[in-house]
C-alpha atoms as a PDB file:
ATOM      1  CA  UNK A   1      26.476 109.405 207.662  1.00  0.00           C
ATOM      2  CA  UNK A   2      24.910 108.064 210.843  1.00  0.00           C
ATOM      3  CA  UNK A   3      21.858 105.837 210.589  1.00  0.00           C
ATOM      4  CA  UNK A   4      19.625 103.835 212.876  1.00  0.00           C
ATOM      5  CA  UNK A   5      16.922 101.421 211.739  1.00  0.00           C
ATOM      6  CA  UNK A   6      13.477 102.812 212.488  1.00  0.00           C
ATOM      7  CA  UNK A   7      14.743 106.285 213.274  1.00  0.00           C
ATOM      8  CA  UNK A   8      15.127 107.725 209.780  1.00  0.00           C
ATOM      9  CA  UNK A   9      18.421 108.824 208.227  1.00  0.00           C
ATOM     10  CA  UNK A  10      20.491 111.713 209.513  1.00  0.00           C
ATOM     11  CA  UNK A  11      23.132 113.273 207.284  1.00  0.00           C
ATOM     12  CA  UNK A  12      25.245 116.435 207.090  1.00  0.00           C
ATOM     13  CA  UNK A  13      24.285 119.228 204.716  1.00  0.00           C
ATOM     14  CA  UNK A  14      25.624 122.803 204.690  1.00  0.00           C
ATOM     15  CA  UNK A  15      26.779 122.471 208.287  1.00  0.00           C
ATOM     16  CA  UNK A  16      23.330 121.414 209.509  1.00  0.00           C
ATOM     17  CA  UNK A  17      21.542 118.183 210.273  1.00  0.00           C
ATOM     18  CA  UNK A  18      18.692 117.279 207.984  1.00  0.00           C
ATOM     19  CA  UNK A  19      16.238 114.502 208.756  1.00  0.00           C
ATOM     20  CA  UNK A  20      14.707 112.651 205.828  1.00  0.00           C
ATOM     21  CA  UNK A  21      11.466 111.365 207.262  1.00  0.00           C
ATOM     22  CA  UNK A  22       7.774 112.043 206.970  1.00  0.00           C
ATOM     23  CA  UNK A  23       7.318 114.530 209.768  1.00  0.00           C
ATOM     24  CA  UNK A  24       4.088 115.364 211.615  1.00  0.00           C
ATOM     25  CA  UNK A  25       3.340 117.286 214.776  1.00  0.00           C
ATOM     26  CA  UNK A  26       2.710 115.397 218.023  1.00  0.00           C
ATOM     27  CA  UNK A  27       0.353 117.548 220.058  1.00  0.00           C
ATOM     28  CA  UNK A  28       1.236 115.872 223.373  1.00  0.00           C
ATOM     29  CA  UNK A  29       4.999 116.293 223.662  1.00  0.00           C
ATOM     30  CA  UNK A  30       5.770 114.677 226.991  1.00  0.00           C
ATOM     31  CA  UNK A  31       8.451 115.967 229.365  1.00  0.00           C
ATOM     32  CA  UNK A  32      10.631 112.866 228.990  1.00  0.00           C
ATOM     33  CA  UNK A  33      10.873 113.553 225.251  1.00  0.00           C
ATOM     34  CA  UNK A  34      12.034 117.110 225.813  1.00  0.00           C
ATOM     35  CA  UNK A  35      14.568 116.101 228.439  1.00  0.00           C
ATOM     36  CA  UNK A  36      15.955 113.202 226.415  1.00  0.00           C
ATOM     37  CA  UNK A  37      16.257 115.233 223.267  1.00  0.00           C
ATOM     38  CA  UNK A  38      17.893 118.142 225.079  1.00  0.00           C
ATOM     39  CA  UNK A  39      20.521 115.782 226.508  1.00  0.00           C
ATOM     40  CA  UNK A  40      21.065 114.235 223.090  1.00  0.00           C
ATOM     41  CA  UNK A  41      21.529 117.658 221.543  1.00  0.00           C
ATOM     42  CA  UNK A  42      24.137 118.656 224.141  1.00  0.00           C
ATOM     43  CA  UNK A  43      26.026 115.417 223.531  1.00  0.00           C
ATOM     44  CA  UNK A  44      25.913 115.980 219.785  1.00  0.00           C
ATOM     45  CA  UNK A  45      27.369 119.450 220.281  1.00  0.00           C
ATOM     46  CA  UNK A  46      30.268 117.920 222.211  1.00  0.00           C
ATOM     47  CA  UNK A  47      31.305 116.304 218.895  1.00  0.00           C
ATOM     48  CA  UNK A  48      32.197 113.049 220.660  1.00  0.00           C
ATOM     49  CA  UNK A  49      31.808 110.001 218.418  1.00  0.00           C
ATOM     50  CA  UNK A  50      31.800 107.804 221.549  1.00  0.00           C
ATOM     51  CA  UNK A  51      28.529 109.391 222.585  1.00  0.00           C
ATOM     52  CA  UNK A  52      26.578 108.541 219.434  1.00  0.00           C
ATOM     53  CA  UNK A  53      25.127 105.413 220.991  1.00  0.00           C
ATOM     54  CA  UNK A  54      24.099 107.455 224.012  1.00  0.00           C
ATOM     55  CA  UNK A  55      22.393 109.960 221.735  1.00  0.00           C
ATOM     56  CA  UNK A  56      20.342 107.268 220.033  1.00  0.00           C
ATOM     57  CA  UNK A  57      19.597 105.693 223.419  1.00  0.00           C
ATOM     58  CA  UNK A  58      18.074 108.956 224.620  1.00  0.00           C
ATOM     59  CA  UNK A  59      16.063 109.234 221.422  1.00  0.00           C
ATOM     60  CA  UNK A  60      14.855 105.671 222.008  1.00  0.00           C
ATOM     61  CA  UNK A  61      13.840 106.595 225.569  1.00  0.00           C
ATOM     62  CA  UNK A  62      11.757 109.441 224.203  1.00  0.00           C
ATOM     63  CA  UNK A  63      10.035 107.018 221.853  1.00  0.00           C
ATOM     64  CA  UNK A  64       9.304 104.685 224.770  1.00  0.00           C
ATOM     65  CA  UNK A  65       7.425 107.566 226.389  1.00  0.00           C
ATOM     66  CA  UNK A  66       4.903 107.203 223.598  1.00  0.00           C
ATOM     67  CA  UNK A  67       5.983 110.299 221.689  1.00  0.00           C
ATOM     68  CA  UNK A  68       5.643 110.285 217.914  1.00  0.00           C
ATOM     69  CA  UNK A  69       8.863 109.327 216.077  1.00  0.00           C
ATOM     70  CA  UNK A  70       8.641 112.302 213.739  1.00  0.00           C
ATOM     71  CA  UNK A  71       8.624 114.794 216.603  1.00  0.00           C
ATOM     72  CA  UNK A  72      11.626 113.138 218.277  1.00  0.00           C
ATOM     73  CA  UNK A  73      13.573 113.408 215.031  1.00  0.00           C
ATOM     74  CA  UNK A  74      12.439 116.976 214.469  1.00  0.00           C
ATOM     75  CA  UNK A  75      13.328 118.118 217.988  1.00  0.00           C
ATOM     76  CA  UNK A  76      16.763 116.544 217.784  1.00  0.00           C
ATOM     77  CA  UNK A  77      17.724 117.604 214.265  1.00  0.00           C
ATOM     78  CA  UNK A  78      16.176 121.057 214.307  1.00  0.00           C
ATOM     79  CA  UNK A  79      17.614 122.111 217.636  1.00  0.00           C
ATOM     80  CA  UNK A  80      21.080 120.793 216.818  1.00  0.00           C
ATOM     81  CA  UNK A  81      21.044 122.486 213.443  1.00  0.00           C
ATOM     82  CA  UNK A  82      19.848 125.769 214.888  1.00  0.00           C
ATOM     83  CA  UNK A  83      22.520 125.760 217.568  1.00  0.00           C
ATOM     84  CA  UNK A  84      25.273 124.894 215.108  1.00  0.00           C
ATOM     85  CA  UNK A  85      24.695 127.007 212.032  1.00  0.00           C
ATOM     86  CA  UNK A  86      21.634 129.216 212.186  1.00  0.00           C
ATOM     87  CA  UNK A  87      19.681 126.831 209.967  1.00  0.00           C
ATOM     88  CA  UNK A  88      16.589 124.969 211.154  1.00  0.00           C
ATOM     89  CA  UNK A  89      15.054 121.792 209.823  1.00  0.00           C
ATOM     90  CA  UNK A  90      11.354 121.489 210.533  1.00  0.00           C
ATOM     91  CA  UNK A  91       8.729 119.228 208.968  1.00  0.00           C
ATOM     92  CA  UNK A  92      11.146 118.160 206.248  1.00  0.00           C
ATOM     93  CA  UNK A  93      11.937 121.776 205.238  1.00  0.00           C
ATOM     94  CA  UNK A  94      15.369 123.404 205.398  1.00  0.00           C
ATOM     95  CA  UNK A  95      15.059 126.955 206.756  1.00  0.00           C
ATOM     96  CA  UNK A  96      18.098 129.200 206.297  1.00  0.00           C
ATOM     97  CA  UNK A  97      18.917 132.503 207.970  1.00  0.00           C
ATOM     98  CA  UNK A  98      17.734 135.687 206.274  1.00  0.00           C
ATOM     99  CA  UNK A  99      16.937 139.318 207.041  1.00  0.00           C
ATOM    100  CA  UNK A 100      13.394 140.657 206.717  1.00  0.00           C
ATOM    101  CA  UNK A 101      12.959 144.405 206.056  1.00  0.00           C
ATOM    102  CA  UNK A 102      11.430 146.162 209.074  1.00  0.00           C
ATOM    103  CA  UNK A 103       8.812 147.728 206.789  1.00  0.00           C
ATOM    104  CA  UNK A 104       7.428 144.320 205.780  1.00  0.00           C
ATOM    105  CA  UNK A 105       4.168 143.306 207.480  1.00  0.00           C
ATOM    106  CA  UNK A 106       3.720 139.610 208.332  1.00  0.00           C
ATOM    107  CA  UNK A 107       0.835 137.772 206.719  1.00  0.00           C
ATOM    108  CA  UNK A 108       0.103 135.884 209.942  1.00  0.00           C
ATOM    109  CA  UNK A 109       1.388 135.920 213.532  1.00  0.00           C
ATOM    110  CA  UNK A 110       0.831 133.334 216.266  1.00  0.00           C
ATOM    111  CA  UNK A 111       2.215 132.850 219.774  1.00  0.00           C
ATOM    112  CA  UNK A 112       4.354 129.728 220.173  1.00  0.00           C
ATOM    113  CA  UNK A 113       6.733 128.373 222.761  1.00  0.00           C
ATOM    114  CA  UNK A 114       9.726 127.634 220.538  1.00  0.00           C
ATOM    115  CA  UNK A 115      11.258 128.311 217.149  1.00  0.00           C
ATOM    116  CA  UNK A 116      10.915 124.626 216.303  1.00  0.00           C
ATOM    117  CA  UNK A 117       7.131 124.844 216.366  1.00  0.00           C
ATOM    118  CA  UNK A 118       7.254 128.146 214.495  1.00  0.00           C
ATOM    119  CA  UNK A 119       9.210 126.380 211.734  1.00  0.00           C
ATOM    120  CA  UNK A 120       6.662 123.562 211.741  1.00  0.00           C
ATOM    121  CA  UNK A 121       3.680 125.917 211.476  1.00  0.00           C
ATOM    122  CA  UNK A 122       5.379 127.874 208.683  1.00  0.00           C
ATOM    123  CA  UNK A 123       6.099 124.681 206.745  1.00  0.00           C
ATOM    124  CA  UNK A 124       2.401 123.762 206.896  1.00  0.00           C
ATOM    125  CA  UNK A 125       1.397 126.924 205.025  1.00  0.00           C
ATOM    126  CA  UNK A 126       1.988 126.638 201.283  1.00  0.00           C
ATOM    127  CA  UNK A 127       2.154 130.412 200.926  1.00  0.00           C
ATOM    128  CA  UNK A 128       4.801 130.878 203.635  1.00  0.00           C
ATOM    129  CA  UNK A 129       8.463 131.037 202.599  1.00  0.00           C
ATOM    130  CA  UNK A 130       9.787 133.178 205.483  1.00  0.00           C
ATOM    131  CA  UNK A 131       9.244 133.265 209.228  1.00  0.00           C
ATOM    132  CA  UNK A 132      10.666 135.225 212.158  1.00  0.00           C
ATOM    133  CA  UNK A 133      10.578 133.988 215.745  1.00  0.00           C
ATOM    134  CA  UNK A 134      11.147 136.491 218.545  1.00  0.00           C
ATOM    135  CA  UNK A 135       9.889 136.728 222.137  1.00  0.00           C
ATOM    136  CA  UNK A 136       7.528 133.795 221.660  1.00  0.00           C
ATOM    137  CA  UNK A 137       5.868 135.269 218.567  1.00  0.00           C
ATOM    138  CA  UNK A 138       6.015 133.520 215.208  1.00  0.00           C
ATOM    139  CA  UNK A 139       5.589 135.927 212.278  1.00  0.00           C
ATOM    140  CA  UNK A 140       5.076 134.371 208.844  1.00  0.00           C
ATOM    141  CA  UNK A 141       5.529 136.010 205.452  1.00  0.00           C
ATOM    142  CA  UNK A 142       4.642 135.082 201.886  1.00  0.00           C
ATOM    143  CA  UNK A 143       7.412 137.119 200.247  1.00  0.00           C
ATOM    144  CA  UNK A 144      10.349 135.414 198.532  1.00  0.00           C
ATOM    145  CA  UNK A 145      13.448 136.578 200.406  1.00  0.00           C
ATOM    146  CA  UNK A 146      16.792 134.855 199.677  1.00  0.00           C
ATOM    147  CA  UNK A 147      18.992 133.452 202.426  1.00  0.00           C
ATOM    148  CA  UNK A 148      22.110 135.297 203.527  1.00  0.00           C
ATOM    149  CA  UNK A 149      24.845 135.512 206.144  1.00  0.00           C
ATOM    150  CA  UNK A 150      23.120 136.974 209.178  1.00  0.00           C
ATOM    151  CA  UNK A 151      22.378 136.411 212.850  1.00  0.00           C
ATOM    152  CA  UNK A 152      18.771 137.434 212.312  1.00  0.00           C
ATOM    153  CA  UNK A 153      15.953 135.526 214.027  1.00  0.00           C
ATOM    154  CA  UNK A 154      14.318 135.117 210.614  1.00  0.00           C
ATOM    155  CA  UNK A 155      14.511 132.077 208.324  1.00  0.00           C
ATOM    156  CA  UNK A 156      13.657 131.439 204.685  1.00  0.00           C
ATOM    157  CA  UNK A 157      13.230 128.454 202.390  1.00  0.00           C
ATOM    158  CA  UNK A 158      14.484 130.446 199.409  1.00  0.00           C
ATOM    159  CA  UNK A 159      17.941 129.515 198.171  1.00  0.00           C
ATOM    160  CA  UNK A 160      20.867 131.864 198.549  1.00  0.00           C
ATOM    161  CA  UNK A 161      21.049 132.395 194.794  1.00  0.00           C
ATOM    162  CA  UNK A 162      18.123 132.709 192.389  1.00  0.00           C
ATOM    163  CA  UNK A 163      18.297 130.562 189.259  1.00  0.00           C
ATOM    164  CA  UNK A 164      20.363 130.454 187.101  1.00  0.00           C
ATOM    165  CA  UNK A 165      22.930 131.811 189.584  1.00  0.00           C
ATOM    166  CA  UNK A 166      24.738 129.684 192.165  1.00  0.00           C
ATOM    167  CA  UNK A 167      27.571 129.861 194.688  1.00  0.00           C
ATOM    168  CA  UNK A 168      30.868 128.495 193.399  1.00  0.00           C
ATOM    169  CA  UNK A 169      32.973 126.414 195.837  1.00  0.00           C
ATOM    170  CA  UNK A 170      35.695 128.533 197.420  1.00  0.00           C
ATOM    171  CA  UNK A 171      34.248 131.713 195.906  1.00  0.00           C
ATOM    172  CA  UNK A 172      31.247 132.180 198.180  1.00  0.00           C
ATOM    173  CA  UNK A 173      32.466 135.678 199.108  1.00  0.00           C
ATOM    174  CA  UNK A 174      32.215 136.693 195.431  1.00  0.00           C
ATOM    175  CA  UNK A 175      28.452 136.214 195.558  1.00  0.00           C
ATOM    176  CA  UNK A 176      26.143 134.377 193.186  1.00  0.00           C
ATOM    177  CA  UNK A 177      27.612 133.682 189.753  1.00  0.00           C
ATOM    178  CA  UNK A 178      26.361 132.467 186.412  1.00  0.00           C
ATOM    179  CA  UNK A 179      28.482 131.637 183.376  1.00  0.00           C
ATOM    180  CA  UNK A 180      27.100 132.617 179.978  1.00  0.00           C
ATOM    181  CA  UNK A 181      28.444 129.893 177.700  1.00  0.00           C
ATOM    182  CA  UNK A 182      27.437 131.380 174.365  1.00  0.00           C
ATOM    183  CA  UNK A 183      29.817 133.822 172.695  1.00  0.00           C
ATOM    184  CA  UNK A 184      28.455 137.362 172.554  1.00  0.00           C
ATOM    185  CA  UNK A 185      29.674 140.932 172.526  1.00  0.00           C
ATOM    186  CA  UNK A 186      30.390 142.670 175.830  1.00  0.00           C
ATOM    187  CA  UNK A 187      27.198 144.753 175.632  1.00  0.00           C
ATOM    188  CA  UNK A 188      24.986 141.791 174.697  1.00  0.00           C
ATOM    189  CA  UNK A 189      26.335 139.653 177.530  1.00  0.00           C
ATOM    190  CA  UNK A 190      25.878 142.505 179.990  1.00  0.00           C
ATOM    191  CA  UNK A 191      22.254 142.712 178.890  1.00  0.00           C
ATOM    192  CA  UNK A 192      21.922 138.944 179.452  1.00  0.00           C
ATOM    193  CA  UNK A 193      23.342 139.315 182.973  1.00  0.00           C
ATOM    194  CA  UNK A 194      21.016 142.191 183.825  1.00  0.00           C
ATOM    195  CA  UNK A 195      17.932 140.397 182.528  1.00  0.00           C
ATOM    196  CA  UNK A 196      18.880 137.447 184.779  1.00  0.00           C
ATOM    197  CA  UNK A 197      19.008 139.783 187.789  1.00  0.00           C
ATOM    198  CA  UNK A 198      22.735 140.542 188.006  1.00  0.00           C
ATOM    199  CA  UNK A 199      25.505 142.205 186.037  1.00  0.00           C
ATOM    200  CA  UNK A 200      28.928 141.341 184.632  1.00  0.00           C
ATOM    201  CA  UNK A 201      31.230 140.189 187.409  1.00  0.00           C
ATOM    202  CA  UNK A 202      33.284 142.727 189.356  1.00  0.00           C
ATOM    203  CA  UNK A 203      35.869 141.444 191.858  1.00  0.00           C
ATOM    204  CA  UNK A 204      36.401 143.341 195.092  1.00  0.00           C
ATOM    205  CA  UNK A 205      40.125 143.632 194.359  1.00  0.00           C
ATOM    206  CA  UNK A 206      43.215 141.902 192.893  1.00  0.00           C
ATOM    207  CA  UNK A 207      43.267 139.125 195.527  1.00  0.00           C
ATOM    208  CA  UNK A 208      39.689 138.062 194.883  1.00  0.00           C
ATOM    209  CA  UNK A 209      40.209 138.421 191.137  1.00  0.00           C
ATOM    210  CA  UNK A 210      43.211 136.058 191.301  1.00  0.00           C
ATOM    211  CA  UNK A 211      41.073 133.429 193.052  1.00  0.00           C
ATOM    212  CA  UNK A 212      38.345 133.756 190.421  1.00  0.00           C
ATOM    213  CA  UNK A 213      40.934 133.252 187.664  1.00  0.00           C
ATOM    214  CA  UNK A 214      42.352 130.242 189.510  1.00  0.00           C
ATOM    215  CA  UNK A 215      38.930 128.617 189.714  1.00  0.00           C
ATOM    216  CA  UNK A 216      38.125 129.045 186.030  1.00  0.00           C
ATOM    217  CA  UNK A 217      41.657 128.078 184.959  1.00  0.00           C
ATOM    218  CA  UNK A 218      41.046 124.616 186.421  1.00  0.00           C
ATOM    219  CA  UNK A 219      37.766 124.454 184.567  1.00  0.00           C
ATOM    220  CA  UNK A 220      38.851 125.828 181.173  1.00  0.00           C
ATOM    221  CA  UNK A 221      42.561 126.497 180.580  1.00  0.00           C
ATOM    222  CA  UNK A 222      43.046 129.162 177.937  1.00  0.00           C
ATOM    223  CA  UNK A 223      39.512 130.447 178.387  1.00  0.00           C
ATOM    224  CA  UNK A 224      38.348 134.052 178.040  1.00  0.00           C
ATOM    225  CA  UNK A 225      35.283 135.662 179.631  1.00  0.00           C
ATOM    226  CA  UNK A 226      33.843 139.137 179.562  1.00  0.00           C
ATOM    227  CA  UNK A 227      33.940 140.814 182.974  1.00  0.00           C
ATOM    228  CA  UNK A 228      32.510 144.090 184.231  1.00  0.00           C
ATOM    229  CA  UNK A 229      35.236 146.536 183.257  1.00  0.00           C
ATOM    230  CA  UNK A 230      35.099 149.199 180.530  1.00  0.00           C
ATOM    231  CA  UNK A 231      37.907 151.654 179.753  1.00  0.00           C
ATOM    232  CA  UNK A 232      39.747 150.428 182.874  1.00  0.00           C
ATOM    233  CA  UNK A 233      36.847 151.258 185.204  1.00  0.00           C
ATOM    234  CA  UNK A 234      34.911 148.455 186.878  1.00  0.00           C
ATOM    235  CA  UNK A 235      31.126 148.740 186.845  1.00  0.00           C
ATOM    236  CA  UNK A 236      31.225 149.571 190.559  1.00  0.00           C
ATOM    237  CA  UNK A 237      33.296 152.679 189.799  1.00  0.00           C
ATOM    238  CA  UNK A 238      36.585 151.224 191.028  1.00  0.00           C
ATOM    239  CA  UNK A 239      39.557 151.844 188.742  1.00  0.00           C
ATOM    240  CA  UNK A 240      41.401 148.799 187.442  1.00  0.00           C
ATOM    241  CA  UNK A 241      44.883 148.255 188.891  1.00  0.00           C
ATOM    242  CA  UNK A 242      48.100 146.946 187.323  1.00  0.00           C
ATOM    243  CA  UNK A 243      47.864 143.601 189.176  1.00  0.00           C
ATOM    244  CA  UNK A 244      44.584 142.842 187.395  1.00  0.00           C
ATOM    245  CA  UNK A 245      45.939 143.345 183.866  1.00  0.00           C
ATOM    246  CA  UNK A 246      48.407 141.588 181.602  1.00  0.00           C
ATOM    247  CA  UNK A 247      51.670 143.448 181.048  1.00  0.00           C
ATOM    248  CA  UNK A 248      51.110 146.383 178.693  1.00  0.00           C
ATOM    249  CA  UNK A 249      47.349 146.283 179.143  1.00  0.00           C
ATOM    250  CA  UNK A 250      45.055 148.077 178.770  1.00  0.00           C
ATOM    251  CA  UNK A 251      46.499 149.639 175.643  1.00  0.00           C
ATOM    252  CA  UNK A 252      43.474 151.676 174.571  1.00  0.00           C
ATOM    253  CA  UNK A 253      42.547 152.266 170.959  1.00  0.00           C
ATOM    254  CA  UNK A 254      39.408 150.430 169.911  1.00  0.00           C
ATOM    255  CA  UNK A 255      39.772 147.917 172.738  1.00  0.00           C
ATOM    256  CA  UNK A 256      37.514 149.248 175.486  1.00  0.00           C
ATOM    257  CA  UNK A 257      36.225 146.066 177.137  1.00  0.00           C
ATOM    258  CA  UNK A 258      38.088 143.818 179.565  1.00  0.00           C
ATOM    259  CA  UNK A 259      38.220 140.031 179.314  1.00  0.00           C
ATOM    260  CA  UNK A 260      39.382 137.712 182.094  1.00  0.00           C
ATOM    261  CA  UNK A 261      41.977 135.262 180.785  1.00  0.00           C
ATOM    262  CA  UNK A 262      42.456 131.999 182.648  1.00  0.00           C
ATOM    263  CA  UNK A 263      46.053 131.557 181.453  1.00  0.00           C
ATOM    264  CA  UNK A 264      47.117 135.052 182.567  1.00  0.00           C
ATOM    265  CA  UNK A 265      45.039 137.870 184.061  1.00  0.00           C
ATOM    266  CA  UNK A 266      43.107 140.291 181.830  1.00  0.00           C
ATOM    267  CA  UNK A 267      43.335 141.916 178.441  1.00  0.00           C
ATOM    268  CA  UNK A 268      41.321 144.583 176.661  1.00  0.00           C
ATOM    269  CA  UNK A 269      39.467 143.594 173.492  1.00  0.00           C
ATOM    270  CA  UNK A 270      37.116 145.196 170.963  1.00  0.00           C
ATOM    271  CA  UNK A 271      33.719 145.040 172.671  1.00  0.00           C
ATOM    272  CA  UNK A 272      32.192 143.292 169.650  1.00  0.00           C
ATOM    273  CA  UNK A 273      34.388 140.201 170.139  1.00  0.00           C
ATOM    274  CA  UNK A 274      32.182 137.121 170.816  1.00  0.00           C
ATOM    275  CA  UNK A 275      33.250 135.700 174.189  1.00  0.00           C
ATOM    276  CA  UNK A 276      31.765 133.836 177.113  1.00  0.00           C
ATOM    277  CA  UNK A 277      30.913 135.907 180.179  1.00  0.00           C
ATOM    278  CA  UNK A 278      30.513 135.635 183.957  1.00  0.00           C
ATOM    279  CA  UNK A 279      27.483 137.252 185.553  1.00  0.00           C
ATOM    280  CA  UNK A 280      27.315 138.083 189.251  1.00  0.00           C
ATOM    281  CA  UNK A 281      24.876 139.061 191.974  1.00  0.00           C
ATOM    282  CA  UNK A 282      27.002 140.726 194.637  1.00  0.00           C
ATOM    283  CA  UNK A 283      26.070 139.788 198.215  1.00  0.00           C
END
């Protein structure tokens, strides 16, 4: 963490810089502020620790020009974050990249000189959770659109995963997951997953499945969870493969539903067996 008295606190979050300060718009952004902040941003991007003092010196110069502290912080943090990760911090709000359907009509559009000010204007509207900035036009939307991996010019304040789902460290490619802790039958837990907005988890293949097992093995050795496979067919239509099953499984009979086992791989069980489950929203 880098800090400077009187300048607010700057810290790293999700690959971006976030400024914790009370931010307000300075209507008269003087040229010296823009130049100083642009130089500071370039030096930040050089990743040179020796230049940190120079960065703060340039920010101080901007302040000496009579420019509001909040705007200096916003210009520096937002531009650096945008250049580094596709995220933008404006007026205390973290905006993350998203994709807006072409058929969606913006609630309001205004002409602005930069994405920074678009982010600021969007953050000042309680109804706005998404904006797009392109060719000097800021389009703002009231729809709730989750963030995602994209190079789109659009940003959202909505999290990547809707509650109660979340991204699990090292398993981001799996999508949003949610563990159902109560023991239920396969069909009941699938209904729980679907009501939450997802379905029982389906790995993309044996390699991803092995990583999922490895994660939950550390969390609960000897654990068992319902997953999205029935009669050796995953819910996506993909057939289960030998590498995903314990030796001799599936063995049919009355055991139609697959359970992930953290101390091995997977076994088939009677679907009425009360087990935990893992829900998923595939990205």
